[in-house]
Amino acid sequence: MATQIIEKERLKDYLDHFSIVIPTELTEIEVASLELGDQIAAEWVPLSGLSYDPKDDVILVDLDNGKYEHTIQQPVEFAVQEGDDGIQSFEVKCSKGHLHIIKFRQPRQLPPAA
């Protein structure tokens, strides 16, 4: 698996482009820190889009057509994990030291009717 670091200056354009070109993805968000332990913030719900607001310095993860939102305040590091079949996850460290792991997978297709 290859890791690519996206600099903050490129983050808005990168996430805007990602949100346009991604197929329907199911998304799990895990937040990990020494004080919180590992917490699941979202468990395999449809991803509607990701955005970065440089003015407020916040990443917004929009899930299930706006039913759920996950925000990451003051991201300090944004890493893209890529596997053989594309982007597997984003790992975002915020200024509080929390690690937000945003994992992706394709919805499973139903087999043809018998």
PDB file of N, CA and C in Angstrom:
ATOM      1  N   MET A   1       0.848  -1.171   0.000  1.00  0.00           N
ATOM      2  CA  MET A   1       0.000   0.000   0.000  1.00  0.00           C
ATOM      3  C   MET A   1       0.895   1.235   0.000  1.00  0.00           C
ATOM      4  N   ALA A   2       0.584   2.176  -0.883  1.00  0.00           N
ATOM      5  CA  ALA A   2       1.361   3.409  -0.997  1.00  0.00           C
ATOM      6  C   ALA A   2       0.683   4.529  -0.208  1.00  0.00           C
ATOM      7  N   THR A   3       1.505   5.403   0.351  1.00  0.00           N
ATOM      8  CA  THR A   3       0.997   6.544   1.110  1.00  0.00           C
ATOM      9  C   THR A   3       1.402   7.830   0.413  1.00  0.00           C
ATOM     10  N   GLN A   4       0.446   8.738   0.258  1.00  0.00           N
ATOM     11  CA  GLN A   4       0.708  10.045  -0.328  1.00  0.00           C
ATOM     12  C   GLN A   4       0.249  11.107   0.668  1.00  0.00           C
ATOM     13  N   ILE A   5       1.114  12.067   0.962  1.00  0.00           N
ATOM     14  CA  ILE A   5       0.766  13.180   1.848  1.00  0.00           C
ATOM     15  C   ILE A   5       0.266  14.339   0.981  1.00  0.00           C
ATOM     16  N   ILE A   6      -0.905  14.874   1.335  1.00  0.00           N
ATOM     17  CA  ILE A   6      -1.462  16.030   0.633  1.00  0.00           C
ATOM     18  C   ILE A   6      -1.207  17.264   1.497  1.00  0.00           C
ATOM     19  N   GLU A   7      -0.493  18.228   0.935  1.00  0.00           N
ATOM     20  CA  GLU A   7      -0.195  19.464   1.660  1.00  0.00           C
ATOM     21  C   GLU A   7      -1.474  20.282   1.841  1.00  0.00           C
ATOM     22  N   LYS A   8      -1.552  21.020   2.933  1.00  0.00           N
ATOM     23  CA  LYS A   8      -2.757  21.788   3.260  1.00  0.00           C
ATOM     24  C   LYS A   8      -3.130  22.770   2.148  1.00  0.00           C
ATOM     25  N   GLU A   9      -2.137  23.325   1.456  1.00  0.00           N
ATOM     26  CA  GLU A   9      -2.408  24.277   0.377  1.00  0.00           C
ATOM     27  C   GLU A   9      -3.166  23.618  -0.773  1.00  0.00           C
ATOM     28  N   ARG A  10      -3.046  22.306  -0.939  1.00  0.00           N
ATOM     29  CA  ARG A  10      -3.704  21.568  -2.024  1.00  0.00           C
ATOM     30  C   ARG A  10      -4.959  20.834  -1.557  1.00  0.00           C
ATOM     31  N   LEU A  11      -5.248  20.870  -0.268  1.00  0.00           N
ATOM     32  CA  LEU A  11      -6.300  20.027   0.302  1.00  0.00           C
ATOM     33  C   LEU A  11      -7.687  20.357  -0.243  1.00  0.00           C
ATOM     34  N   LYS A  12      -8.029  21.627  -0.362  1.00  0.00           N
ATOM     35  CA  LYS A  12      -9.358  22.004  -0.870  1.00  0.00           C
ATOM     36  C   LYS A  12      -9.565  21.468  -2.280  1.00  0.00           C
ATOM     37  N   ASP A  13      -8.621  21.719  -3.176  1.00  0.00           N
ATOM     38  CA  ASP A  13      -8.747  21.242  -4.557  1.00  0.00           C
ATOM     39  C   ASP A  13      -8.779  19.717  -4.619  1.00  0.00           C
ATOM     40  N   TYR A  14      -7.946  19.068  -3.818  1.00  0.00           N
ATOM     41  CA  TYR A  14      -7.901  17.601  -3.815  1.00  0.00           C
ATOM     42  C   TYR A  14      -9.254  17.019  -3.396  1.00  0.00           C
ATOM     43  N   LEU A  15      -9.820  17.511  -2.295  1.00  0.00           N
ATOM     44  CA  LEU A  15     -11.091  16.963  -1.808  1.00  0.00           C
ATOM     45  C   LEU A  15     -12.255  17.332  -2.723  1.00  0.00           C
ATOM     46  N   ASP A  16     -12.235  18.528  -3.309  1.00  0.00           N
ATOM     47  CA  ASP A  16     -13.274  18.891  -4.277  1.00  0.00           C
ATOM     48  C   ASP A  16     -13.246  17.926  -5.458  1.00  0.00           C
ATOM     49  N   HIS A  17     -12.064  17.642  -5.983  1.00  0.00           N
ATOM     50  CA  HIS A  17     -11.921  16.714  -7.108  1.00  0.00           C
ATOM     51  C   HIS A  17     -12.337  15.297  -6.697  1.00  0.00           C
ATOM     52  N   PHE A  18     -11.888  14.852  -5.542  1.00  0.00           N
ATOM     53  CA  PHE A  18     -12.239  13.514  -5.050  1.00  0.00           C
ATOM     54  C   PHE A  18     -13.753  13.359  -4.960  1.00  0.00           C
ATOM     55  N   SER A  19     -14.436  14.372  -4.448  1.00  0.00           N
ATOM     56  CA  SER A  19     -15.887  14.297  -4.265  1.00  0.00           C
ATOM     57  C   SER A  19     -16.635  14.220  -5.593  1.00  0.00           C
ATOM     58  N   ILE A  20     -16.046  14.765  -6.653  1.00  0.00           N
ATOM     59  CA  ILE A  20     -16.680  14.722  -7.969  1.00  0.00           C
ATOM     60  C   ILE A  20     -16.483  13.364  -8.636  1.00  0.00           C
ATOM     61  N   VAL A  21     -15.290  12.799  -8.531  1.00  0.00           N
ATOM     62  CA  VAL A  21     -14.961  11.608  -9.322  1.00  0.00           C
ATOM     63  C   VAL A  21     -15.178  10.278  -8.609  1.00  0.00           C
ATOM     64  N   ILE A  22     -15.417  10.278  -7.298  1.00  0.00           N
ATOM     65  CA  ILE A  22     -15.577   8.998  -6.606  1.00  0.00           C
ATOM     66  C   ILE A  22     -16.881   8.325  -7.005  1.00  0.00           C
ATOM     67  N   PRO A  23     -16.836   7.002  -7.125  1.00  0.00           N
ATOM     68  CA  PRO A  23     -18.100   6.282  -7.272  1.00  0.00           C
ATOM     69  C   PRO A  23     -18.780   6.231  -5.902  1.00  0.00           C
ATOM     70  N   THR A  24     -19.958   5.655  -5.854  1.00  0.00           N
ATOM     71  CA  THR A  24     -20.628   5.505  -4.560  1.00  0.00           C
ATOM     72  C   THR A  24     -19.742   4.651  -3.667  1.00  0.00           C
ATOM     73  N   GLU A  25     -19.405   5.177  -2.535  1.00  0.00           N
ATOM     74  CA  GLU A  25     -18.539   4.483  -1.588  1.00  0.00           C
ATOM     75  C   GLU A  25     -19.254   4.363  -0.253  1.00  0.00           C
ATOM     76  N   LEU A  26     -19.026   3.257   0.412  1.00  0.00           N
ATOM     77  CA  LEU A  26     -19.434   3.133   1.804  1.00  0.00           C
ATOM     78  C   LEU A  26     -18.254   3.587   2.641  1.00  0.00           C
ATOM     79  N   THR A  27     -18.534   4.252   3.740  1.00  0.00           N
ATOM     80  CA  THR A  27     -17.481   4.898   4.517  1.00  0.00           C
ATOM     81  C   THR A  27     -17.605   4.548   5.989  1.00  0.00           C
ATOM     82  N   GLU A  28     -16.444   4.236   6.575  1.00  0.00           N
ATOM     83  CA  GLU A  28     -16.357   4.061   8.023  1.00  0.00           C
ATOM     84  C   GLU A  28     -15.370   5.096   8.530  1.00  0.00           C
ATOM     85  N   ILE A  29     -15.712   5.752   9.632  1.00  0.00           N
ATOM     86  CA  ILE A  29     -14.816   6.742  10.230  1.00  0.00           C
ATOM     87  C   ILE A  29     -14.479   6.299  11.638  1.00  0.00           C
ATOM     88  N   GLU A  30     -13.186   6.179  11.886  1.00  0.00           N
ATOM     89  CA  GLU A  30     -12.681   5.811  13.210  1.00  0.00           C
ATOM     90  C   GLU A  30     -11.853   6.979  13.731  1.00  0.00           C
ATOM     91  N   VAL A  31     -12.036   7.314  14.991  1.00  0.00           N
ATOM     92  CA  VAL A  31     -11.251   8.371  15.625  1.00  0.00           C
ATOM     93  C   VAL A  31     -10.438   7.719  16.739  1.00  0.00           C
ATOM     94  N   ALA A  32      -9.125   7.921  16.701  1.00  0.00           N
ATOM     95  CA  ALA A  32      -8.241   7.292  17.678  1.00  0.00           C
ATOM     96  C   ALA A  32      -7.388   8.351  18.370  1.00  0.00           C
ATOM     97  N   SER A  33      -7.268   8.210  19.693  1.00  0.00           N
ATOM     98  CA  SER A  33      -6.373   9.070  20.466  1.00  0.00           C
ATOM     99  C   SER A  33      -6.091   8.385  21.793  1.00  0.00           C
ATOM    100  N   LEU A  34      -5.061   8.849  22.472  1.00  0.00           N
ATOM    101  CA  LEU A  34      -4.731   8.275  23.776  1.00  0.00           C
ATOM    102  C   LEU A  34      -5.839   8.528  24.787  1.00  0.00           C
ATOM    103  N   GLU A  35      -6.447   9.717  24.736  1.00  0.00           N
ATOM    104  CA  GLU A  35      -7.484  10.048  25.718  1.00  0.00           C
ATOM    105  C   GLU A  35      -8.824   9.389  25.411  1.00  0.00           C
ATOM    106  N   LEU A  36      -9.144   9.190  24.110  1.00  0.00           N
ATOM    107  CA  LEU A  36     -10.440   8.620  23.731  1.00  0.00           C
ATOM    108  C   LEU A  36     -10.404   7.119  23.484  1.00  0.00           C
ATOM    109  N   GLY A  37      -9.227   6.597  23.171  1.00  0.00           N
ATOM    110  CA  GLY A  37      -9.155   5.228  22.673  1.00  0.00           C
ATOM    111  C   GLY A  37      -9.589   5.239  21.217  1.00  0.00           C
ATOM    112  N   ASP A  38     -10.069   4.103  20.721  1.00  0.00           N
ATOM    113  CA  ASP A  38     -10.579   4.018  19.353  1.00  0.00           C
ATOM    114  C   ASP A  38     -12.095   4.081  19.385  1.00  0.00           C
ATOM    115  N   GLN A  39     -12.660   5.021  18.653  1.00  0.00           N
ATOM    116  CA  GLN A  39     -14.110   5.210  18.595  1.00  0.00           C
ATOM    117  C   GLN A  39     -14.559   5.157  17.139  1.00  0.00           C
ATOM    118  N   ILE A  40     -15.655   4.458  16.861  1.00  0.00           N
ATOM    119  CA  ILE A  40     -16.243   4.449  15.529  1.00  0.00           C
ATOM    120  C   ILE A  40     -17.254   5.597  15.468  1.00  0.00           C
ATOM    121  N   ALA A  41     -17.008   6.558  14.578  1.00  0.00           N
ATOM    122  CA  ALA A  41     -17.907   7.705  14.430  1.00  0.00           C
ATOM    123  C   ALA A  41     -18.978   7.448  13.376  1.00  0.00           C
ATOM    124  N   ALA A  42     -18.680   6.589  12.405  1.00  0.00           N
ATOM    125  CA  ALA A  42     -19.647   6.217  11.365  1.00  0.00           C
ATOM    126  C   ALA A  42     -19.274   4.823  10.880  1.00  0.00           C
ATOM    127  N   GLU A  43     -20.279   3.988  10.672  1.00  0.00           N
ATOM    128  CA  GLU A  43     -20.002   2.602  10.293  1.00  0.00           C
ATOM    129  C   GLU A  43     -20.673   2.258   8.970  1.00  0.00           C
ATOM    130  N   TRP A  44     -19.883   2.285   7.909  1.00  0.00           N
ATOM    131  CA  TRP A  44     -20.249   1.873   6.560  1.00  0.00           C
ATOM    132  C   TRP A  44     -21.555   2.494   6.079  1.00  0.00           C
ATOM    133  N   VAL A  45     -21.543   3.823   6.008  1.00  0.00           N
ATOM    134  CA  VAL A  45     -22.666   4.583   5.461  1.00  0.00           C
ATOM    135  C   VAL A  45     -22.215   5.225   4.143  1.00  0.00           C
ATOM    136  N   PRO A  46     -23.151   5.534   3.245  1.00  0.00           N
ATOM    137  CA  PRO A  46     -22.771   6.117   1.954  1.00  0.00           C
ATOM    138  C   PRO A  46     -22.096   7.486   2.121  1.00  0.00           C
ATOM    139  N   LEU A  47     -21.027   7.667   1.376  1.00  0.00           N
ATOM    140  CA  LEU A  47     -20.307   8.940   1.366  1.00  0.00           C
ATOM    141  C   LEU A  47     -20.964   9.867   0.354  1.00  0.00           C
ATOM    142  N   SER A  48     -21.297  11.071   0.774  1.00  0.00           N
ATOM    143  CA  SER A  48     -21.866  12.069  -0.139  1.00  0.00           C
ATOM    144  C   SER A  48     -20.799  13.036  -0.637  1.00  0.00           C
ATOM    145  N   GLY A  49     -19.765  13.276   0.150  1.00  0.00           N
ATOM    146  CA  GLY A  49     -18.696  14.163  -0.285  1.00  0.00           C
ATOM    147  C   GLY A  49     -17.800  14.580   0.865  1.00  0.00           C
ATOM    148  N   LEU A  50     -16.650  15.114   0.486  1.00  0.00           N
ATOM    149  CA  LEU A  50     -15.687  15.655   1.446  1.00  0.00           C
ATOM    150  C   LEU A  50     -15.318  17.051   0.989  1.00  0.00           C
ATOM    151  N   SER A  51     -15.106  17.945   1.940  1.00  0.00           N
ATOM    152  CA  SER A  51     -14.680  19.293   1.583  1.00  0.00           C
ATOM    153  C   SER A  51     -13.755  19.838   2.670  1.00  0.00           C
ATOM    154  N   TYR A  52     -12.973  20.831   2.266  1.00  0.00           N
ATOM    155  CA  TYR A  52     -12.089  21.517   3.207  1.00  0.00           C
ATOM    156  C   TYR A  52     -12.356  23.007   3.093  1.00  0.00           C
ATOM    157  N   ASP A  53     -12.601  23.652   4.212  1.00  0.00           N
ATOM    158  CA  ASP A  53     -12.803  25.096   4.275  1.00  0.00           C
ATOM    159  C   ASP A  53     -11.539  25.717   4.866  1.00  0.00           C
ATOM    160  N   PRO A  54     -10.689  26.318   4.016  1.00  0.00           N
ATOM    161  CA  PRO A  54      -9.439  26.877   4.538  1.00  0.00           C
ATOM    162  C   PRO A  54      -9.654  28.061   5.480  1.00  0.00           C
ATOM    163  N   LYS A  55     -10.760  28.792   5.308  1.00  0.00           N
ATOM    164  CA  LYS A  55     -11.032  29.945   6.181  1.00  0.00           C
ATOM    165  C   LYS A  55     -11.232  29.490   7.624  1.00  0.00           C
ATOM    166  N   ASP A  56     -12.059  28.459   7.816  1.00  0.00           N
ATOM    167  CA  ASP A  56     -12.320  27.940   9.162  1.00  0.00           C
ATOM    168  C   ASP A  56     -11.382  26.794   9.537  1.00  0.00           C
ATOM    169  N   ASP A  57     -10.542  26.359   8.583  1.00  0.00           N
ATOM    170  CA  ASP A  57      -9.584  25.270   8.792  1.00  0.00           C
ATOM    171  C   ASP A  57     -10.290  24.013   9.303  1.00  0.00           C
ATOM    172  N   VAL A  58     -11.267  23.542   8.507  1.00  0.00           N
ATOM    173  CA  VAL A  58     -12.050  22.375   8.906  1.00  0.00           C
ATOM    174  C   VAL A  58     -12.342  21.498   7.685  1.00  0.00           C
ATOM    175  N   ILE A  59     -12.254  20.187   7.893  1.00  0.00           N
ATOM    176  CA  ILE A  59     -12.667  19.208   6.892  1.00  0.00           C
ATOM    177  C   ILE A  59     -14.059  18.737   7.279  1.00  0.00           C
ATOM    178  N   LEU A  60     -14.950  18.687   6.295  1.00  0.00           N
ATOM    179  CA  LEU A  60     -16.307  18.205   6.510  1.00  0.00           C
ATOM    180  C   LEU A  60     -16.507  16.937   5.690  1.00  0.00           C
ATOM    181  N   VAL A  61     -16.928  15.868   6.365  1.00  0.00           N
ATOM    182  CA  VAL A  61     -17.275  14.616   5.697  1.00  0.00           C
ATOM    183  C   VAL A  61     -18.798  14.524   5.724  1.00  0.00           C
ATOM    184  N   ASP A  62     -19.404  14.568   4.534  1.00  0.00           N
ATOM    185  CA  ASP A  62     -20.862  14.516   4.402  1.00  0.00           C
ATOM    186  C   ASP A  62     -21.253  13.071   4.098  1.00  0.00           C
ATOM    187  N   LEU A  63     -22.119  12.516   4.936  1.00  0.00           N
ATOM    188  CA  LEU A  63     -22.497  11.110   4.815  1.00  0.00           C
ATOM    189  C   LEU A  63     -24.001  10.974   4.626  1.00  0.00           C
ATOM    190  N   ASP A  64     -24.380  10.024   3.795  1.00  0.00           N
ATOM    191  CA  ASP A  64     -25.786   9.655   3.596  1.00  0.00           C
ATOM    192  C   ASP A  64     -26.643  10.873   3.250  1.00  0.00           C
ATOM    193  N   ASN A  65     -26.188  11.623   2.219  1.00  0.00           N
ATOM    194  CA  ASN A  65     -26.909  12.803   1.716  1.00  0.00           C
ATOM    195  C   ASN A  65     -27.266  13.808   2.808  1.00  0.00           C
ATOM    196  N   GLY A  66     -26.330  14.085   3.679  1.00  0.00           N
ATOM    197  CA  GLY A  66     -26.516  15.115   4.692  1.00  0.00           C
ATOM    198  C   GLY A  66     -27.136  14.647   5.993  1.00  0.00           C
ATOM    199  N   LYS A  67     -27.457  13.364   6.102  1.00  0.00           N
ATOM    200  CA  LYS A  67     -28.034  12.869   7.357  1.00  0.00           C
ATOM    201  C   LYS A  67     -27.004  12.880   8.481  1.00  0.00           C
ATOM    202  N   TYR A  68     -25.731  12.672   8.111  1.00  0.00           N
ATOM    203  CA  TYR A  68     -24.652  12.651   9.097  1.00  0.00           C
ATOM    204  C   TYR A  68     -23.513  13.523   8.589  1.00  0.00           C
ATOM    205  N   GLU A  69     -22.827  14.185   9.503  1.00  0.00           N
ATOM    206  CA  GLU A  69     -21.630  14.951   9.179  1.00  0.00           C
ATOM    207  C   GLU A  69     -20.556  14.631  10.208  1.00  0.00           C
ATOM    208  N   HIS A  70     -19.340  14.590   9.735  1.00  0.00           N
ATOM    209  CA  HIS A  70     -18.195  14.423  10.629  1.00  0.00           C
ATOM    210  C   HIS A  70     -17.241  15.563  10.307  1.00  0.00           C
ATOM    211  N   THR A  71     -16.854  16.321  11.317  1.00  0.00           N
ATOM    212  CA  THR A  71     -15.936  17.435  11.091  1.00  0.00           C
ATOM    213  C   THR A  71     -14.589  17.143  11.737  1.00  0.00           C
ATOM    214  N   ILE A  72     -13.558  17.630  11.073  1.00  0.00           N
ATOM    215  CA  ILE A  72     -12.192  17.515  11.586  1.00  0.00           C
ATOM    216  C   ILE A  72     -11.636  18.933  11.650  1.00  0.00           C
ATOM    217  N   GLN A  73     -11.504  19.446  12.869  1.00  0.00           N
ATOM    218  CA  GLN A  73     -11.020  20.809  13.090  1.00  0.00           C
ATOM    219  C   GLN A  73      -9.498  20.848  13.010  1.00  0.00           C
ATOM    220  N   GLN A  74      -8.974  21.856  12.365  1.00  0.00           N
ATOM    221  CA  GLN A  74      -7.540  22.134  12.295  1.00  0.00           C
ATOM    222  C   GLN A  74      -6.709  20.900  11.933  1.00  0.00           C
ATOM    223  N   PRO A  75      -6.913  20.359  10.716  1.00  0.00           N
ATOM    224  CA  PRO A  75      -6.086  19.230  10.296  1.00  0.00           C
ATOM    225  C   PRO A  75      -4.626  19.665  10.134  1.00  0.00           C
ATOM    226  N   VAL A  76      -3.716  18.833  10.622  1.00  0.00           N
ATOM    227  CA  VAL A  76      -2.291  19.162  10.500  1.00  0.00           C
ATOM    228  C   VAL A  76      -1.573  18.208   9.551  1.00  0.00           C
ATOM    229  N   GLU A  77      -2.159  17.043   9.289  1.00  0.00           N
ATOM    230  CA  GLU A  77      -1.574  16.093   8.342  1.00  0.00           C
ATOM    231  C   GLU A  77      -2.691  15.316   7.674  1.00  0.00           C
ATOM    232  N   PHE A  78      -2.582  15.161   6.346  1.00  0.00           N
ATOM    233  CA  PHE A  78      -3.591  14.452   5.564  1.00  0.00           C
ATOM    234  C   PHE A  78      -2.863  13.441   4.688  1.00  0.00           C
ATOM    235  N   ALA A  79      -3.076  12.154   4.952  1.00  0.00           N
ATOM    236  CA  ALA A  79      -2.408  11.091   4.206  1.00  0.00           C
ATOM    237  C   ALA A  79      -3.440  10.257   3.459  1.00  0.00           C
ATOM    238  N   VAL A  80      -3.102   9.903   2.219  1.00  0.00           N
ATOM    239  CA  VAL A  80      -3.946   9.059   1.380  1.00  0.00           C
ATOM    240  C   VAL A  80      -3.294   7.685   1.303  1.00  0.00           C
ATOM    241  N   GLN A  81      -4.052   6.642   1.649  1.00  0.00           N
ATOM    242  CA  GLN A  81      -3.568   5.262   1.557  1.00  0.00           C
ATOM    243  C   GLN A  81      -4.157   4.645   0.288  1.00  0.00           C
ATOM    244  N   GLU A  82      -3.287   4.247  -0.642  1.00  0.00           N
ATOM    245  CA  GLU A  82      -3.744   3.667  -1.900  1.00  0.00           C
ATOM    246  C   GLU A  82      -3.315   2.217  -2.007  1.00  0.00           C
ATOM    247  N   GLY A  83      -4.249   1.376  -2.465  1.00  0.00           N
ATOM    248  CA  GLY A  83      -3.973  -0.026  -2.723  1.00  0.00           C
ATOM    249  C   GLY A  83      -4.053  -0.297  -4.214  1.00  0.00           C
ATOM    250  N   ASP A  84      -4.043  -1.572  -4.592  1.00  0.00           N
ATOM    251  CA  ASP A  84      -4.088  -1.951  -6.000  1.00  0.00           C
ATOM    252  C   ASP A  84      -5.358  -1.481  -6.696  1.00  0.00           C
ATOM    253  N   ASP A  85      -6.476  -1.427  -5.968  1.00  0.00           N
ATOM    254  CA  ASP A  85      -7.734  -1.026  -6.587  1.00  0.00           C
ATOM    255  C   ASP A  85      -8.160   0.381  -6.184  1.00  0.00           C
ATOM    256  N   GLY A  86      -7.222   1.259  -5.916  1.00  0.00           N
ATOM    257  CA  GLY A  86      -7.553   2.658  -5.660  1.00  0.00           C
ATOM    258  C   GLY A  86      -7.367   3.083  -4.221  1.00  0.00           C
ATOM    259  N   ILE A  87      -8.006   4.185  -3.879  1.00  0.00           N
ATOM    260  CA  ILE A  87      -7.870   4.769  -2.545  1.00  0.00           C
ATOM    261  C   ILE A  87      -8.585   3.895  -1.525  1.00  0.00           C
ATOM    262  N   GLN A  88      -7.859   3.501  -0.494  1.00  0.00           N
ATOM    263  CA  GLN A  88      -8.399   2.669   0.579  1.00  0.00           C
ATOM    264  C   GLN A  88      -8.885   3.508   1.755  1.00  0.00           C
ATOM    265  N   SER A  89      -8.123   4.575   2.075  1.00  0.00           N
ATOM    266  CA  SER A  89      -8.486   5.387   3.240  1.00  0.00           C
ATOM    267  C   SER A  89      -7.748   6.717   3.216  1.00  0.00           C
ATOM    268  N   PHE A  90      -8.274   7.629   4.021  1.00  0.00           N
ATOM    269  CA  PHE A  90      -7.593   8.871   4.359  1.00  0.00           C
ATOM    270  C   PHE A  90      -7.284   8.804   5.845  1.00  0.00           C
ATOM    271  N   GLU A  91      -6.104   9.270   6.230  1.00  0.00           N
ATOM    272  CA  GLU A  91      -5.743   9.373   7.642  1.00  0.00           C
ATOM    273  C   GLU A  91      -5.432  10.839   7.917  1.00  0.00           C
ATOM    274  N   VAL A  92      -6.224  11.435   8.806  1.00  0.00           N
ATOM    275  CA  VAL A  92      -6.109  12.865   9.074  1.00  0.00           C
ATOM    276  C   VAL A  92      -5.795  13.067  10.549  1.00  0.00           C
ATOM    277  N   LYS A  93      -4.675  13.725  10.814  1.00  0.00           N
ATOM    278  CA  LYS A  93      -4.325  14.071  12.193  1.00  0.00           C
ATOM    279  C   LYS A  93      -4.731  15.521  12.422  1.00  0.00           C
ATOM    280  N   CYS A  94      -5.439  15.771  13.538  1.00  0.00           N
ATOM    281  CA  CYS A  94      -5.860  17.140  13.859  1.00  0.00           C
ATOM    282  C   CYS A  94      -4.919  17.729  14.911  1.00  0.00           C
ATOM    283  N   SER A  95      -5.087  19.020  15.172  1.00  0.00           N
ATOM    284  CA  SER A  95      -4.188  19.717  16.097  1.00  0.00           C
ATOM    285  C   SER A  95      -4.277  19.186  17.527  1.00  0.00           C
ATOM    286  N   LYS A  96      -5.376  18.500  17.877  1.00  0.00           N
ATOM    287  CA  LYS A  96      -5.511  17.908  19.214  1.00  0.00           C
ATOM    288  C   LYS A  96      -4.807  16.559  19.325  1.00  0.00           C
ATOM    289  N   GLY A  97      -4.231  16.085  18.211  1.00  0.00           N
ATOM    290  CA  GLY A  97      -3.533  14.808  18.222  1.00  0.00           C
ATOM    291  C   GLY A  97      -4.421  13.619  17.911  1.00  0.00           C
ATOM    292  N   HIS A  98      -5.699  13.857  17.616  1.00  0.00           N
ATOM    293  CA  HIS A  98      -6.595  12.757  17.257  1.00  0.00           C
ATOM    294  C   HIS A  98      -6.314  12.327  15.821  1.00  0.00           C
ATOM    295  N   LEU A  99      -6.404  11.029  15.572  1.00  0.00           N
ATOM    296  CA  LEU A  99      -6.248  10.485  14.231  1.00  0.00           C
ATOM    297  C   LEU A  99      -7.622  10.064  13.735  1.00  0.00           C
ATOM    298  N   HIS A 100      -8.061  10.670  12.637  1.00  0.00           N
ATOM    299  CA  HIS A 100      -9.350  10.356  12.021  1.00  0.00           C
ATOM    300  C   HIS A 100      -9.050   9.476  10.810  1.00  0.00           C
ATOM    301  N   ILE A 101      -9.518   8.237  10.829  1.00  0.00           N
ATOM    302  CA  ILE A 101      -9.279   7.299   9.739  1.00  0.00           C
ATOM    303  C   ILE A 101     -10.589   7.131   8.982  1.00  0.00           C
ATOM    304  N   ILE A 102     -10.581   7.551   7.724  1.00  0.00           N
ATOM    305  CA  ILE A 102     -11.771   7.495   6.874  1.00  0.00           C
ATOM    306  C   ILE A 102     -11.536   6.376   5.863  1.00  0.00           C
ATOM    307  N   LYS A 103     -12.239   5.251   6.043  1.00  0.00           N
ATOM    308  CA  LYS A 103     -12.050   4.074   5.189  1.00  0.00           C
ATOM    309  C   LYS A 103     -13.160   4.003   4.151  1.00  0.00           C
ATOM    310  N   PHE A 104     -12.813   3.480   2.964  1.00  0.00           N
ATOM    311  CA  PHE A 104     -13.764   3.390   1.864  1.00  0.00           C
ATOM    312  C   PHE A 104     -13.885   1.954   1.370  1.00  0.00           C
ATOM    313  N   ARG A 105     -15.097   1.626   0.904  1.00  0.00           N
ATOM    314  CA  ARG A 105     -15.295   0.369   0.184  1.00  0.00           C
ATOM    315  C   ARG A 105     -16.504   0.526  -0.728  1.00  0.00           C
ATOM    316  N   GLN A 106     -16.499  -0.240  -1.787  1.00  0.00           N
ATOM    317  CA  GLN A 106     -17.611  -0.232  -2.737  1.00  0.00           C
ATOM    318  C   GLN A 106     -18.778  -1.021  -2.168  1.00  0.00           C
ATOM    319  N   PRO A 107     -20.015  -0.561  -2.423  1.00  0.00           N
ATOM    320  CA  PRO A 107     -21.164  -1.376  -2.025  1.00  0.00           C
ATOM    321  C   PRO A 107     -21.131  -2.705  -2.776  1.00  0.00           C
ATOM    322  N   ARG A 108     -21.584  -3.742  -2.138  1.00  0.00           N
ATOM    323  CA  ARG A 108     -21.607  -5.057  -2.784  1.00  0.00           C
ATOM    324  C   ARG A 108     -22.777  -5.141  -3.752  1.00  0.00           C
ATOM    325  N   GLN A 109     -22.517  -5.772  -4.882  1.00  0.00           N
ATOM    326  CA  GLN A 109     -23.555  -5.969  -5.883  1.00  0.00           C
ATOM    327  C   GLN A 109     -24.339  -7.233  -5.563  1.00  0.00           C
ATOM    328  N   LEU A 110     -25.639  -7.177  -5.761  1.00  0.00           N
ATOM    329  CA  LEU A 110     -26.463  -8.371  -5.584  1.00  0.00           C
ATOM    330  C   LEU A 110     -26.229  -9.314  -6.753  1.00  0.00           C
ATOM    331  N   PRO A 111     -26.216 -10.626  -6.490  1.00  0.00           N
ATOM    332  CA  PRO A 111     -26.083 -11.564  -7.608  1.00  0.00           C
ATOM    333  C   PRO A 111     -27.354 -11.524  -8.456  1.00  0.00           C
ATOM    334  N   PRO A 112     -27.256 -11.930  -9.728  1.00  0.00           N
ATOM    335  CA  PRO A 112     -28.450 -11.947 -10.569  1.00  0.00           C
ATOM    336  C   PRO A 112     -29.507 -12.881  -9.992  1.00  0.00           C
ATOM    337  N   ALA A 113     -30.762 -12.540 -10.237  1.00  0.00           N
ATOM    338  CA  ALA A 113     -31.865 -13.384  -9.757  1.00  0.00           C
ATOM    339  C   ALA A 113     -31.812 -14.737 -10.449  1.00  0.00           C
ATOM    340  N   ALA A 114     -32.143 -15.780  -9.704  1.00  0.00           N
ATOM    341  CA  ALA A 114     -32.074 -17.140 -10.260  1.00  0.00           C
ATOM    342  C   ALA A 114     -33.272 -17.439 -11.123  1.00  0.00           C
TER     343      ALA A 114
END
